[in-house]
Amino acid sequence: MRASELLAADEVNLLGRALLEWGGPAHCSDQLAVGMGFAGQHDLLDQCRRLRSALSEDTPLGAADWARILLATEIVFVSDLAGSGVEWQTTTGRDDETTIRMLRVIQRKLARTVSPYYGKRPAE
């Protein structure tokens, strides 16, 4: 599904900005990257670039990619150990309250799409 078929523009922008955090202040181990459905830390960074591009170009993505995007966003936003955590507002310019409200909307909108991966590693 294309981002425009699932989400509003501001929601797509939030996901794209969250994926960008993995190349900046966030620190991901190979183990965490694998758990999120990537081959490792380097693949996470490569895939985040690809996924950000797909979001901005409105390219269709499969359910596994949507699950990876959502999980990577949730972790980078909340985790202070691996993600941006308490620095989220400083690095993104987005406040926590608005982000969590929007993230909950995104989670509800993507629920059907990512449901095959509930409790599972997002992999094709």
PDB file of N, CA and C in Angstrom:
ATOM      1  N   MET A   1       0.831  -1.191   0.000  1.00  0.00           N
ATOM      2  CA  MET A   1       0.000   0.000   0.000  1.00  0.00           C
ATOM      3  C   MET A   1       0.875   1.253   0.000  1.00  0.00           C
ATOM      4  N   ARG A   2       0.376   2.270  -0.654  1.00  0.00           N
ATOM      5  CA  ARG A   2       1.036   3.577  -0.669  1.00  0.00           C
ATOM      6  C   ARG A   2       0.727   4.323   0.619  1.00  0.00           C
ATOM      7  N   ALA A   3       1.674   5.145   1.056  1.00  0.00           N
ATOM      8  CA  ALA A   3       1.471   5.932   2.274  1.00  0.00           C
ATOM      9  C   ALA A   3       0.212   6.782   2.170  1.00  0.00           C
ATOM     10  N   SER A   4      -0.022   7.368   0.996  1.00  0.00           N
ATOM     11  CA  SER A   4      -1.188   8.241   0.820  1.00  0.00           C
ATOM     12  C   SER A   4      -2.511   7.495   0.926  1.00  0.00           C
ATOM     13  N   GLU A   5      -2.486   6.186   0.775  1.00  0.00           N
ATOM     14  CA  GLU A   5      -3.694   5.374   0.905  1.00  0.00           C
ATOM     15  C   GLU A   5      -3.978   5.002   2.351  1.00  0.00           C
ATOM     16  N   LEU A   6      -2.981   5.169   3.206  1.00  0.00           N
ATOM     17  CA  LEU A   6      -3.117   4.744   4.598  1.00  0.00           C
ATOM     18  C   LEU A   6      -3.098   5.889   5.602  1.00  0.00           C
ATOM     19  N   LEU A   7      -2.320   6.926   5.303  1.00  0.00           N
ATOM     20  CA  LEU A   7      -2.023   7.946   6.311  1.00  0.00           C
ATOM     21  C   LEU A   7      -2.163   9.355   5.755  1.00  0.00           C
ATOM     22  N   ALA A   8      -2.347  10.305   6.662  1.00  0.00           N
ATOM     23  CA  ALA A   8      -2.338  11.719   6.310  1.00  0.00           C
ATOM     24  C   ALA A   8      -0.892  12.170   6.111  1.00  0.00           C
ATOM     25  N   ALA A   9      -0.706  13.272   5.407  1.00  0.00           N
ATOM     26  CA  ALA A   9       0.635  13.770   5.086  1.00  0.00           C
ATOM     27  C   ALA A   9       1.467  14.027   6.338  1.00  0.00           C
ATOM     28  N   ASP A  10       0.882  14.606   7.385  1.00  0.00           N
ATOM     29  CA  ASP A  10       1.658  14.876   8.602  1.00  0.00           C
ATOM     30  C   ASP A  10       2.073  13.592   9.304  1.00  0.00           C
ATOM     31  N   GLU A  11       1.285  12.543   9.169  1.00  0.00           N
ATOM     32  CA  GLU A  11       1.636  11.247   9.746  1.00  0.00           C
ATOM     33  C   GLU A  11       2.791  10.607   8.979  1.00  0.00           C
ATOM     34  N   VAL A  12       2.763  10.716   7.666  1.00  0.00           N
ATOM     35  CA  VAL A  12       3.854  10.217   6.829  1.00  0.00           C
ATOM     36  C   VAL A  12       5.136  10.972   7.165  1.00  0.00           C
ATOM     37  N   ASN A  13       5.024  12.286   7.342  1.00  0.00           N
ATOM     38  CA  ASN A  13       6.190  13.099   7.689  1.00  0.00           C
ATOM     39  C   ASN A  13       6.793  12.668   9.023  1.00  0.00           C
ATOM     40  N   LEU A  14       5.947  12.350   9.998  1.00  0.00           N
ATOM     41  CA  LEU A  14       6.446  11.888  11.297  1.00  0.00           C
ATOM     42  C   LEU A  14       7.238  10.594  11.138  1.00  0.00           C
ATOM     43  N   LEU A  15       6.711   9.655  10.372  1.00  0.00           N
ATOM     44  CA  LEU A  15       7.408   8.384  10.169  1.00  0.00           C
ATOM     45  C   LEU A  15       8.746   8.607   9.470  1.00  0.00           C
ATOM     46  N   GLY A  16       8.761   9.451   8.463  1.00  0.00           N
ATOM     47  CA  GLY A  16      10.006   9.745   7.766  1.00  0.00           C
ATOM     48  C   GLY A  16      11.039  10.385   8.674  1.00  0.00           C
ATOM     49  N   ARG A  17      10.577  11.311   9.520  1.00  0.00           N
ATOM     50  CA  ARG A  17      11.498  11.981  10.457  1.00  0.00           C
ATOM     51  C   ARG A  17      12.021  10.996  11.489  1.00  0.00           C
ATOM     52  N   ALA A  18      11.179  10.087  11.937  1.00  0.00           N
ATOM     53  CA  ALA A  18      11.614   9.080  12.908  1.00  0.00           C
ATOM     54  C   ALA A  18      12.673   8.167  12.299  1.00  0.00           C
ATOM     55  N   LEU A  19      12.493   7.753  11.052  1.00  0.00           N
ATOM     56  CA  LEU A  19      13.484   6.901  10.402  1.00  0.00           C
ATOM     57  C   LEU A  19      14.817   7.621  10.261  1.00  0.00           C
ATOM     58  N   LEU A  20      14.779   8.919  10.069  1.00  0.00           N
ATOM     59  CA  LEU A  20      16.003   9.713   9.957  1.00  0.00           C
ATOM     60  C   LEU A  20      16.799   9.714  11.265  1.00  0.00           C
ATOM     61  N   GLU A  21      16.107   9.596  12.395  1.00  0.00           N
ATOM     62  CA  GLU A  21      16.778   9.579  13.697  1.00  0.00           C
ATOM     63  C   GLU A  21      17.765   8.433  13.831  1.00  0.00           C
ATOM     64  N   TRP A  22      17.517   7.310  13.135  1.00  0.00           N
ATOM     65  CA  TRP A  22      18.425   6.165  13.233  1.00  0.00           C
ATOM     66  C   TRP A  22      19.788   6.486  12.655  1.00  0.00           C
ATOM     67  N   GLY A  23      19.871   7.467  11.767  1.00  0.00           N
ATOM     68  CA  GLY A  23      21.154   7.867  11.226  1.00  0.00           C
ATOM     69  C   GLY A  23      21.788   8.997  12.007  1.00  0.00           C
ATOM     70  N   GLY A  24      21.151   9.397  13.102  1.00  0.00           N
ATOM     71  CA  GLY A  24      21.647  10.520  13.893  1.00  0.00           C
ATOM     72  C   GLY A  24      21.868  10.133  15.335  1.00  0.00           C
ATOM     73  N   PRO A  25      21.044  10.645  16.232  1.00  0.00           N
ATOM     74  CA  PRO A  25      21.282  10.441  17.658  1.00  0.00           C
ATOM     75  C   PRO A  25      20.997   9.027  18.168  1.00  0.00           C
ATOM     76  N   ALA A  26      20.190   8.256  17.450  1.00  0.00           N
ATOM     77  CA  ALA A  26      19.848   6.910  17.913  1.00  0.00           C
ATOM     78  C   ALA A  26      21.030   5.958  17.718  1.00  0.00           C
ATOM     79  N   HIS A  27      21.151   4.976  18.597  1.00  0.00           N
ATOM     80  CA  HIS A  27      22.226   3.994  18.552  1.00  0.00           C
ATOM     81  C   HIS A  27      21.625   2.599  18.597  1.00  0.00           C
ATOM     82  N   CYS A  28      21.715   1.898  17.504  1.00  0.00           N
ATOM     83  CA  CYS A  28      21.096   0.584  17.407  1.00  0.00           C
ATOM     84  C   CYS A  28      22.157  -0.502  17.369  1.00  0.00           C
ATOM     85  N   SER A  29      21.947  -1.534  18.151  1.00  0.00           N
ATOM     86  CA  SER A  29      22.826  -2.705  18.094  1.00  0.00           C
ATOM     87  C   SER A  29      22.372  -3.604  16.947  1.00  0.00           C
ATOM     88  N   ASP A  30      23.251  -4.511  16.538  1.00  0.00           N
ATOM     89  CA  ASP A  30      22.859  -5.479  15.519  1.00  0.00           C
ATOM     90  C   ASP A  30      21.676  -6.322  16.000  1.00  0.00           C
ATOM     91  N   GLN A  31      21.696  -6.699  17.280  1.00  0.00           N
ATOM     92  CA  GLN A  31      20.628  -7.545  17.817  1.00  0.00           C
ATOM     93  C   GLN A  31      19.269  -6.842  17.760  1.00  0.00           C
ATOM     94  N   LEU A  32      19.236  -5.567  18.132  1.00  0.00           N
ATOM     95  CA  LEU A  32      17.977  -4.829  18.085  1.00  0.00           C
ATOM     96  C   LEU A  32      17.519  -4.659  16.640  1.00  0.00           C
ATOM     97  N   ALA A  33      18.443  -4.350  15.748  1.00  0.00           N
ATOM     98  CA  ALA A  33      18.092  -4.197  14.336  1.00  0.00           C
ATOM     99  C   ALA A  33      17.482  -5.487  13.788  1.00  0.00           C
ATOM    100  N   VAL A  34      18.077  -6.622  14.134  1.00  0.00           N
ATOM    101  CA  VAL A  34      17.546  -7.916  13.686  1.00  0.00           C
ATOM    102  C   VAL A  34      16.144  -8.125  14.260  1.00  0.00           C
ATOM    103  N   GLY A  35      15.961  -7.790  15.518  1.00  0.00           N
ATOM    104  CA  GLY A  35      14.644  -7.920  16.132  1.00  0.00           C
ATOM    105  C   GLY A  35      13.580  -7.063  15.464  1.00  0.00           C
ATOM    106  N   MET A  36      14.006  -5.938  14.876  1.00  0.00           N
ATOM    107  CA  MET A  36      13.075  -5.061  14.169  1.00  0.00           C
ATOM    108  C   MET A  36      12.852  -5.494  12.727  1.00  0.00           C
ATOM    109  N   GLY A  37      13.546  -6.566  12.303  1.00  0.00           N
ATOM    110  CA  GLY A  37      13.321  -7.088  10.968  1.00  0.00           C
ATOM    111  C   GLY A  37      14.373  -6.709   9.940  1.00  0.00           C
ATOM    112  N   PHE A  38      15.502  -6.183  10.408  1.00  0.00           N
ATOM    113  CA  PHE A  38      16.601  -5.827   9.513  1.00  0.00           C
ATOM    114  C   PHE A  38      17.714  -6.852   9.681  1.00  0.00           C
ATOM    115  N   ALA A  39      18.650  -6.891   8.728  1.00  0.00           N
ATOM    116  CA  ALA A  39      19.736  -7.869   8.790  1.00  0.00           C
ATOM    117  C   ALA A  39      20.772  -7.509   9.847  1.00  0.00           C
ATOM    118  N   GLY A  40      20.833  -6.263  10.234  1.00  0.00           N
ATOM    119  CA  GLY A  40      21.783  -5.776  11.226  1.00  0.00           C
ATOM    120  C   GLY A  40      21.760  -4.258  11.232  1.00  0.00           C
ATOM    121  N   GLN A  41      22.678  -3.675  11.982  1.00  0.00           N
ATOM    122  CA  GLN A  41      22.731  -2.224  12.151  1.00  0.00           C
ATOM    123  C   GLN A  41      22.927  -1.493  10.817  1.00  0.00           C
ATOM    124  N   HIS A  42      23.848  -1.967   9.996  1.00  0.00           N
ATOM    125  CA  HIS A  42      24.111  -1.305   8.714  1.00  0.00           C
ATOM    126  C   HIS A  42      22.907  -1.429   7.774  1.00  0.00           C
ATOM    127  N   ASP A  43      22.272  -2.591   7.789  1.00  0.00           N
ATOM    128  CA  ASP A  43      21.079  -2.774   6.967  1.00  0.00           C
ATOM    129  C   ASP A  43      19.961  -1.850   7.444  1.00  0.00           C
ATOM    130  N   LEU A  44      19.834  -1.671   8.754  1.00  0.00           N
ATOM    131  CA  LEU A  44      18.835  -0.738   9.288  1.00  0.00           C
ATOM    132  C   LEU A  44      19.027   0.640   8.679  1.00  0.00           C
ATOM    133  N   LEU A  45      20.256   1.134   8.684  1.00  0.00           N
ATOM    134  CA  LEU A  45      20.525   2.467   8.139  1.00  0.00           C
ATOM    135  C   LEU A  45      20.228   2.521   6.643  1.00  0.00           C
ATOM    136  N   ASP A  46      20.631   1.496   5.905  1.00  0.00           N
ATOM    137  CA  ASP A  46      20.345   1.451   4.467  1.00  0.00           C
ATOM    138  C   ASP A  46      18.839   1.393   4.205  1.00  0.00           C
ATOM    139  N   GLN A  47      18.165   0.533   4.946  1.00  0.00           N
ATOM    140  CA  GLN A  47      16.725   0.379   4.749  1.00  0.00           C
ATOM    141  C   GLN A  47      15.946   1.624   5.180  1.00  0.00           C
ATOM    142  N   CYS A  48      16.415   2.300   6.211  1.00  0.00           N
ATOM    143  CA  CYS A  48      15.742   3.539   6.627  1.00  0.00           C
ATOM    144  C   CYS A  48      15.800   4.572   5.503  1.00  0.00           C
ATOM    145  N   ARG A  49      16.927   4.649   4.806  1.00  0.00           N
ATOM    146  CA  ARG A  49      17.027   5.555   3.648  1.00  0.00           C
ATOM    147  C   ARG A  49      16.034   5.143   2.567  1.00  0.00           C
ATOM    148  N   ARG A  50      15.979   3.847   2.285  1.00  0.00           N
ATOM    149  CA  ARG A  50      15.059   3.346   1.262  1.00  0.00           C
ATOM    150  C   ARG A  50      13.601   3.592   1.654  1.00  0.00           C
ATOM    151  N   LEU A  51      13.284   3.324   2.905  1.00  0.00           N
ATOM    152  CA  LEU A  51      11.910   3.485   3.376  1.00  0.00           C
ATOM    153  C   LEU A  51      11.493   4.951   3.419  1.00  0.00           C
ATOM    154  N   ARG A  52      12.403   5.835   3.830  1.00  0.00           N
ATOM    155  CA  ARG A  52      12.112   7.278   3.815  1.00  0.00           C
ATOM    156  C   ARG A  52      11.837   7.742   2.389  1.00  0.00           C
ATOM    157  N   SER A  53      12.614   7.256   1.463  1.00  0.00           N
ATOM    158  CA  SER A  53      12.415   7.603   0.058  1.00  0.00           C
ATOM    159  C   SER A  53      11.064   7.085  -0.436  1.00  0.00           C
ATOM    160  N   ALA A  54      10.735   5.854  -0.087  1.00  0.00           N
ATOM    161  CA  ALA A  54       9.450   5.280  -0.496  1.00  0.00           C
ATOM    162  C   ALA A  54       8.285   6.074   0.094  1.00  0.00           C
ATOM    163  N   LEU A  55       8.417   6.500   1.338  1.00  0.00           N
ATOM    164  CA  LEU A  55       7.363   7.311   1.943  1.00  0.00           C
ATOM    165  C   LEU A  55       7.211   8.639   1.216  1.00  0.00           C
ATOM    166  N   SER A  56       8.322   9.299   0.945  1.00  0.00           N
ATOM    167  CA  SER A  56       8.254  10.620   0.317  1.00  0.00           C
ATOM    168  C   SER A  56       7.808  10.548  -1.143  1.00  0.00           C
ATOM    169  N   GLU A  57       8.118   9.446  -1.821  1.00  0.00           N
ATOM    170  CA  GLU A  57       7.727   9.278  -3.221  1.00  0.00           C
ATOM    171  C   GLU A  57       6.395   8.548  -3.373  1.00  0.00           C
ATOM    172  N   ASP A  58       5.786   8.170  -2.256  1.00  0.00           N
ATOM    173  CA  ASP A  58       4.499   7.474  -2.240  1.00  0.00           C
ATOM    174  C   ASP A  58       4.555   6.153  -3.015  1.00  0.00           C
ATOM    175  N   THR A  59       5.672   5.455  -2.848  1.00  0.00           N
ATOM    176  CA  THR A  59       5.878   4.157  -3.473  1.00  0.00           C
ATOM    177  C   THR A  59       5.161   3.089  -2.649  1.00  0.00           C
ATOM    178  N   PRO A  60       4.501   2.132  -3.286  1.00  0.00           N
ATOM    179  CA  PRO A  60       3.847   1.066  -2.522  1.00  0.00           C
ATOM    180  C   PRO A  60       4.850   0.267  -1.689  1.00  0.00           C
ATOM    181  N   LEU A  61       4.441  -0.072  -0.472  1.00  0.00           N
ATOM    182  CA  LEU A  61       5.258  -0.875   0.444  1.00  0.00           C
ATOM    183  C   LEU A  61       4.453  -2.082   0.899  1.00  0.00           C
ATOM    184  N   GLY A  62       5.157  -3.169   1.165  1.00  0.00           N
ATOM    185  CA  GLY A  62       4.506  -4.367   1.665  1.00  0.00           C
ATOM    186  C   GLY A  62       4.287  -4.303   3.166  1.00  0.00           C
ATOM    187  N   ALA A  63       3.542  -5.250   3.678  1.00  0.00           N
ATOM    188  CA  ALA A  63       3.201  -5.280   5.101  1.00  0.00           C
ATOM    189  C   ALA A  63       4.444  -5.348   5.986  1.00  0.00           C
ATOM    190  N   ALA A  64       5.466  -6.123   5.580  1.00  0.00           N
ATOM    191  CA  ALA A  64       6.683  -6.231   6.394  1.00  0.00           C
ATOM    192  C   ALA A  64       7.384  -4.881   6.497  1.00  0.00           C
ATOM    193  N   ASP A  65       7.431  -4.136   5.404  1.00  0.00           N
ATOM    194  CA  ASP A  65       8.044  -2.806   5.455  1.00  0.00           C
ATOM    195  C   ASP A  65       7.251  -1.867   6.352  1.00  0.00           C
ATOM    196  N   TRP A  66       5.942  -1.922   6.267  1.00  0.00           N
ATOM    197  CA  TRP A  66       5.130  -1.070   7.150  1.00  0.00           C
ATOM    198  C   TRP A  66       5.355  -1.443   8.619  1.00  0.00           C
ATOM    199  N   ALA A  67       5.485  -2.734   8.892  1.00  0.00           N
ATOM    200  CA  ALA A  67       5.752  -3.177  10.269  1.00  0.00           C
ATOM    201  C   ALA A  67       7.122  -2.689  10.732  1.00  0.00           C
ATOM    202  N   ARG A  68       8.126  -2.759   9.862  1.00  0.00           N
ATOM    203  CA  ARG A  68       9.459  -2.257  10.213  1.00  0.00           C
ATOM    204  C   ARG A  68       9.434  -0.752  10.482  1.00  0.00           C
ATOM    205  N   ILE A  69       8.743  -0.018   9.636  1.00  0.00           N
ATOM    206  CA  ILE A  69       8.637   1.437   9.809  1.00  0.00           C
ATOM    207  C   ILE A  69       7.995   1.758  11.146  1.00  0.00           C
ATOM    208  N   LEU A  70       6.890   1.093  11.449  1.00  0.00           N
ATOM    209  CA  LEU A  70       6.174   1.375  12.690  1.00  0.00           C
ATOM    210  C   LEU A  70       7.026   1.008  13.907  1.00  0.00           C
ATOM    211  N   LEU A  71       7.618  -0.168  13.906  1.00  0.00           N
ATOM    212  CA  LEU A  71       8.427  -0.599  15.047  1.00  0.00           C
ATOM    213  C   LEU A  71       9.658   0.285  15.225  1.00  0.00           C
ATOM    214  N   ALA A  72      10.320   0.618  14.128  1.00  0.00           N
ATOM    215  CA  ALA A  72      11.492   1.500  14.211  1.00  0.00           C
ATOM    216  C   ALA A  72      11.108   2.873  14.744  1.00  0.00           C
ATOM    217  N   THR A  73       9.931   3.357  14.367  1.00  0.00           N
ATOM    218  CA  THR A  73       9.444   4.657  14.866  1.00  0.00           C
ATOM    219  C   THR A  73       9.143   4.582  16.355  1.00  0.00           C
ATOM    220  N   GLU A  74       8.446   3.540  16.768  1.00  0.00           N
ATOM    221  CA  GLU A  74       8.091   3.401  18.182  1.00  0.00           C
ATOM    222  C   GLU A  74       9.355   3.359  19.049  1.00  0.00           C
ATOM    223  N   ILE A  75      10.330   2.588  18.634  1.00  0.00           N
ATOM    224  CA  ILE A  75      11.548   2.438  19.438  1.00  0.00           C
ATOM    225  C   ILE A  75      12.379   3.715  19.440  1.00  0.00           C
ATOM    226  N   VAL A  76      12.562   4.326  18.285  1.00  0.00           N
ATOM    227  CA  VAL A  76      13.418   5.519  18.231  1.00  0.00           C
ATOM    228  C   VAL A  76      12.795   6.676  19.007  1.00  0.00           C
ATOM    229  N   PHE A  77      11.480   6.755  19.035  1.00  0.00           N
ATOM    230  CA  PHE A  77      10.807   7.815  19.779  1.00  0.00           C
ATOM    231  C   PHE A  77      10.905   7.602  21.282  1.00  0.00           C
ATOM    232  N   VAL A  78      10.659   6.407  21.743  1.00  0.00           N
ATOM    233  CA  VAL A  78      10.524   6.147  23.179  1.00  0.00           C
ATOM    234  C   VAL A  78      11.834   5.800  23.874  1.00  0.00           C
ATOM    235  N   SER A  79      12.657   4.972  23.255  1.00  0.00           N
ATOM    236  CA  SER A  79      13.833   4.447  23.952  1.00  0.00           C
ATOM    237  C   SER A  79      14.934   5.485  24.110  1.00  0.00           C
ATOM    238  N   ASP A  80      15.351   5.670  25.350  1.00  0.00           N
ATOM    239  CA  ASP A  80      16.488   6.542  25.616  1.00  0.00           C
ATOM    240  C   ASP A  80      17.794   5.748  25.527  1.00  0.00           C
ATOM    241  N   LEU A  81      17.722   4.436  25.610  1.00  0.00           N
ATOM    242  CA  LEU A  81      18.914   3.591  25.511  1.00  0.00           C
ATOM    243  C   LEU A  81      19.342   3.369  24.071  1.00  0.00           C
ATOM    244  N   ALA A  82      18.376   3.181  23.173  1.00  0.00           N
ATOM    245  CA  ALA A  82      18.704   2.891  21.782  1.00  0.00           C
ATOM    246  C   ALA A  82      18.268   3.995  20.823  1.00  0.00           C
ATOM    247  N   GLY A  83      17.210   4.701  21.175  1.00  0.00           N
ATOM    248  CA  GLY A  83      16.652   5.701  20.270  1.00  0.00           C
ATOM    249  C   GLY A  83      16.987   7.119  20.664  1.00  0.00           C
ATOM    250  N   SER A  84      16.122   8.025  20.264  1.00  0.00           N
ATOM    251  CA  SER A  84      16.293   9.444  20.607  1.00  0.00           C
ATOM    252  C   SER A  84      15.800   9.733  22.015  1.00  0.00           C
ATOM    253  N   GLY A  85      14.760   9.026  22.432  1.00  0.00           N
ATOM    254  CA  GLY A  85      14.254   9.141  23.802  1.00  0.00           C
ATOM    255  C   GLY A  85      14.031  10.566  24.256  1.00  0.00           C
ATOM    256  N   VAL A  86      14.673  10.932  25.359  1.00  0.00           N
ATOM    257  CA  VAL A  86      14.435  12.257  25.949  1.00  0.00           C
ATOM    258  C   VAL A  86      14.930  13.387  25.050  1.00  0.00           C
ATOM    259  N   GLU A  87      15.743  13.080  24.069  1.00  0.00           N
ATOM    260  CA  GLU A  87      16.233  14.101  23.134  1.00  0.00           C
ATOM    261  C   GLU A  87      15.325  14.268  21.915  1.00  0.00           C
ATOM    262  N   TRP A  88      14.244  13.494  21.832  1.00  0.00           N
ATOM    263  CA  TRP A  88      13.343  13.521  20.674  1.00  0.00           C
ATOM    264  C   TRP A  88      12.945  14.947  20.293  1.00  0.00           C
ATOM    265  N   GLN A  89      12.469  15.706  21.232  1.00  0.00           N
ATOM    266  CA  GLN A  89      12.006  17.055  20.926  1.00  0.00           C
ATOM    267  C   GLN A  89      13.158  17.928  20.426  1.00  0.00           C
ATOM    268  N   THR A  90      14.316  17.781  21.028  1.00  0.00           N
ATOM    269  CA  THR A  90      15.484  18.575  20.630  1.00  0.00           C
ATOM    270  C   THR A  90      15.930  18.227  19.213  1.00  0.00           C
ATOM    271  N   THR A  91      15.967  16.942  18.891  1.00  0.00           N
ATOM    272  CA  THR A  91      16.507  16.533  17.592  1.00  0.00           C
ATOM    273  C   THR A  91      15.492  16.606  16.463  1.00  0.00           C
ATOM    274  N   THR A  92      14.206  16.505  16.776  1.00  0.00           N
ATOM    275  CA  THR A  92      13.190  16.508  15.720  1.00  0.00           C
ATOM    276  C   THR A  92      12.373  17.802  15.676  1.00  0.00           C
ATOM    277  N   GLY A  93      12.356  18.537  16.776  1.00  0.00           N
ATOM    278  CA  GLY A  93      11.502  19.715  16.848  1.00  0.00           C
ATOM    279  C   GLY A  93      10.042  19.376  17.104  1.00  0.00           C
ATOM    280  N   ARG A  94       9.769  18.133  17.424  1.00  0.00           N
ATOM    281  CA  ARG A  94       8.395  17.666  17.684  1.00  0.00           C
ATOM    282  C   ARG A  94       8.252  17.347  19.162  1.00  0.00           C
ATOM    283  N   ASP A  95       7.228  17.887  19.794  1.00  0.00           N
ATOM    284  CA  ASP A  95       7.064  17.628  21.227  1.00  0.00           C
ATOM    285  C   ASP A  95       6.487  16.233  21.458  1.00  0.00           C
ATOM    286  N   ASP A  96       6.775  15.698  22.635  1.00  0.00           N
ATOM    287  CA  ASP A  96       6.365  14.335  22.985  1.00  0.00           C
ATOM    288  C   ASP A  96       4.858  14.141  22.928  1.00  0.00           C
ATOM    289  N   GLU A  97       4.103  15.090  23.456  1.00  0.00           N
ATOM    290  CA  GLU A  97       2.652  14.934  23.549  1.00  0.00           C
ATOM    291  C   GLU A  97       2.022  14.824  22.164  1.00  0.00           C
ATOM    292  N   THR A  98       2.413  15.710  21.260  1.00  0.00           N
ATOM    293  CA  THR A  98       1.879  15.662  19.898  1.00  0.00           C
ATOM    294  C   THR A  98       2.325  14.390  19.199  1.00  0.00           C
ATOM    295  N   THR A  99       3.574  14.007  19.405  1.00  0.00           N
ATOM    296  CA  THR A  99       4.106  12.802  18.764  1.00  0.00           C
ATOM    297  C   THR A  99       3.361  11.563  19.222  1.00  0.00           C
ATOM    298  N   ILE A 100       3.138  11.402  20.515  1.00  0.00           N
ATOM    299  CA  ILE A 100       2.473  10.178  20.981  1.00  0.00           C
ATOM    300  C   ILE A 100       1.020  10.135  20.515  1.00  0.00           C
ATOM    301  N   ARG A 101       0.359  11.287  20.482  1.00  0.00           N
ATOM    302  CA  ARG A 101      -1.021  11.293  19.972  1.00  0.00           C
ATOM    303  C   ARG A 101      -1.048  10.874  18.502  1.00  0.00           C
ATOM    304  N   MET A 102      -0.132  11.425  17.720  1.00  0.00           N
ATOM    305  CA  MET A 102      -0.085  11.085  16.307  1.00  0.00           C
ATOM    306  C   MET A 102       0.335   9.635  16.105  1.00  0.00           C
ATOM    307  N   LEU A 103       1.263   9.163  16.915  1.00  0.00           N
ATOM    308  CA  LEU A 103       1.701   7.774  16.808  1.00  0.00           C
ATOM    309  C   LEU A 103       0.550   6.816  17.096  1.00  0.00           C
ATOM    310  N   ARG A 104      -0.282   7.131  18.063  1.00  0.00           N
ATOM    311  CA  ARG A 104      -1.449   6.278  18.351  1.00  0.00           C
ATOM    312  C   ARG A 104      -2.406   6.240  17.162  1.00  0.00           C
ATOM    313  N   VAL A 105      -2.590   7.363  16.500  1.00  0.00           N
ATOM    314  CA  VAL A 105      -3.439   7.406  15.299  1.00  0.00           C
ATOM    315  C   VAL A 105      -2.823   6.531  14.212  1.00  0.00           C
ATOM    316  N   ILE A 106      -1.525   6.664  14.011  1.00  0.00           N
ATOM    317  CA  ILE A 106      -0.825   5.865  13.004  1.00  0.00           C
ATOM    318  C   ILE A 106      -0.946   4.380  13.323  1.00  0.00           C
ATOM    319  N   GLN A 107      -0.764   4.010  14.583  1.00  0.00           N
ATOM    320  CA  GLN A 107      -0.879   2.603  14.980  1.00  0.00           C
ATOM    321  C   GLN A 107      -2.257   2.052  14.635  1.00  0.00           C
ATOM    322  N   ARG A 108      -3.288   2.827  14.893  1.00  0.00           N
ATOM    323  CA  ARG A 108      -4.655   2.370  14.587  1.00  0.00           C
ATOM    324  C   ARG A 108      -4.858   2.228  13.080  1.00  0.00           C
ATOM    325  N   LYS A 109      -4.350   3.197  12.323  1.00  0.00           N
ATOM    326  CA  LYS A 109      -4.514   3.161  10.869  1.00  0.00           C
ATOM    327  C   LYS A 109      -3.734   2.014  10.227  1.00  0.00           C
ATOM    328  N   LEU A 110      -2.603   1.657  10.791  1.00  0.00           N
ATOM    329  CA  LEU A 110      -1.768   0.593  10.219  1.00  0.00           C
ATOM    330  C   LEU A 110      -2.090  -0.791  10.792  1.00  0.00           C
ATOM    331  N   ALA A 111      -2.981  -0.860  11.750  1.00  0.00           N
ATOM    332  CA  ALA A 111      -3.256  -2.127  12.447  1.00  0.00           C
ATOM    333  C   ALA A 111      -3.552  -3.277  11.490  1.00  0.00           C
ATOM    334  N   ARG A 112      -4.419  -3.070  10.539  1.00  0.00           N
ATOM    335  CA  ARG A 112      -4.758  -4.158   9.612  1.00  0.00           C
ATOM    336  C   ARG A 112      -3.557  -4.554   8.762  1.00  0.00           C
ATOM    337  N   THR A 113      -2.812  -3.565   8.327  1.00  0.00           N
ATOM    338  CA  THR A 113      -1.677  -3.811   7.448  1.00  0.00           C
ATOM    339  C   THR A 113      -0.569  -4.588   8.144  1.00  0.00           C
ATOM    340  N   VAL A 114      -0.280  -4.239   9.392  1.00  0.00           N
ATOM    341  CA  VAL A 114       0.842  -4.866  10.106  1.00  0.00           C
ATOM    342  C   VAL A 114       0.422  -6.049  10.972  1.00  0.00           C
ATOM    343  N   SER A 115      -0.860  -6.349  11.024  1.00  0.00           N
ATOM    344  CA  SER A 115      -1.349  -7.406  11.925  1.00  0.00           C
ATOM    345  C   SER A 115      -0.679  -8.767  11.727  1.00  0.00           C
ATOM    346  N   PRO A 116      -0.229  -9.151  10.522  1.00  0.00           N
ATOM    347  CA  PRO A 116       0.465 -10.446  10.413  1.00  0.00           C
ATOM    348  C   PRO A 116       1.755 -10.504  11.229  1.00  0.00           C
ATOM    349  N   TYR A 117       2.256  -9.351  11.658  1.00  0.00           N
ATOM    350  CA  TYR A 117       3.533  -9.307  12.368  1.00  0.00           C
ATOM    351  C   TYR A 117       3.392  -9.037  13.859  1.00  0.00           C
ATOM    352  N   TYR A 118       2.185  -9.018  14.368  1.00  0.00           N
ATOM    353  CA  TYR A 118       2.024  -8.848  15.811  1.00  0.00           C
ATOM    354  C   TYR A 118       2.743  -9.980  16.535  1.00  0.00           C
ATOM    355  N   GLY A 119       3.674  -9.639  17.397  1.00  0.00           N
ATOM    356  CA  GLY A 119       4.419 -10.631  18.164  1.00  0.00           C
ATOM    357  C   GLY A 119       5.456 -11.390  17.352  1.00  0.00           C
ATOM    358  N   LYS A 120       5.722 -10.932  16.115  1.00  0.00           N
ATOM    359  CA  LYS A 120       6.671 -11.619  15.255  1.00  0.00           C
ATOM    360  C   LYS A 120       7.668 -10.613  14.685  1.00  0.00           C
ATOM    361  N   ARG A 121       8.786 -11.137  14.242  1.00  0.00           N
ATOM    362  CA  ARG A 121       9.818 -10.310  13.602  1.00  0.00           C
ATOM    363  C   ARG A 121       9.345  -9.974  12.185  1.00  0.00           C
ATOM    364  N   PRO A 122       9.272  -8.683  11.849  1.00  0.00           N
ATOM    365  CA  PRO A 122       8.837  -8.310  10.488  1.00  0.00           C
ATOM    366  C   PRO A 122       9.875  -8.755   9.450  1.00  0.00           C
ATOM    367  N   ALA A 123       9.562  -9.755   8.677  1.00  0.00           N
ATOM    368  CA  ALA A 123      10.451 -10.249   7.633  1.00  0.00           C
ATOM    369  C   ALA A 123       9.606 -10.697   6.451  1.00  0.00           C
ATOM    370  N   GLU A 124      10.170 -10.551   5.282  1.00  0.00           N
ATOM    371  CA  GLU A 124       9.445 -10.938   4.048  1.00  0.00           C
ATOM    372  C   GLU A 124       9.494 -12.432   3.875  1.00  0.00           C
TER     373      GLU A 124
END
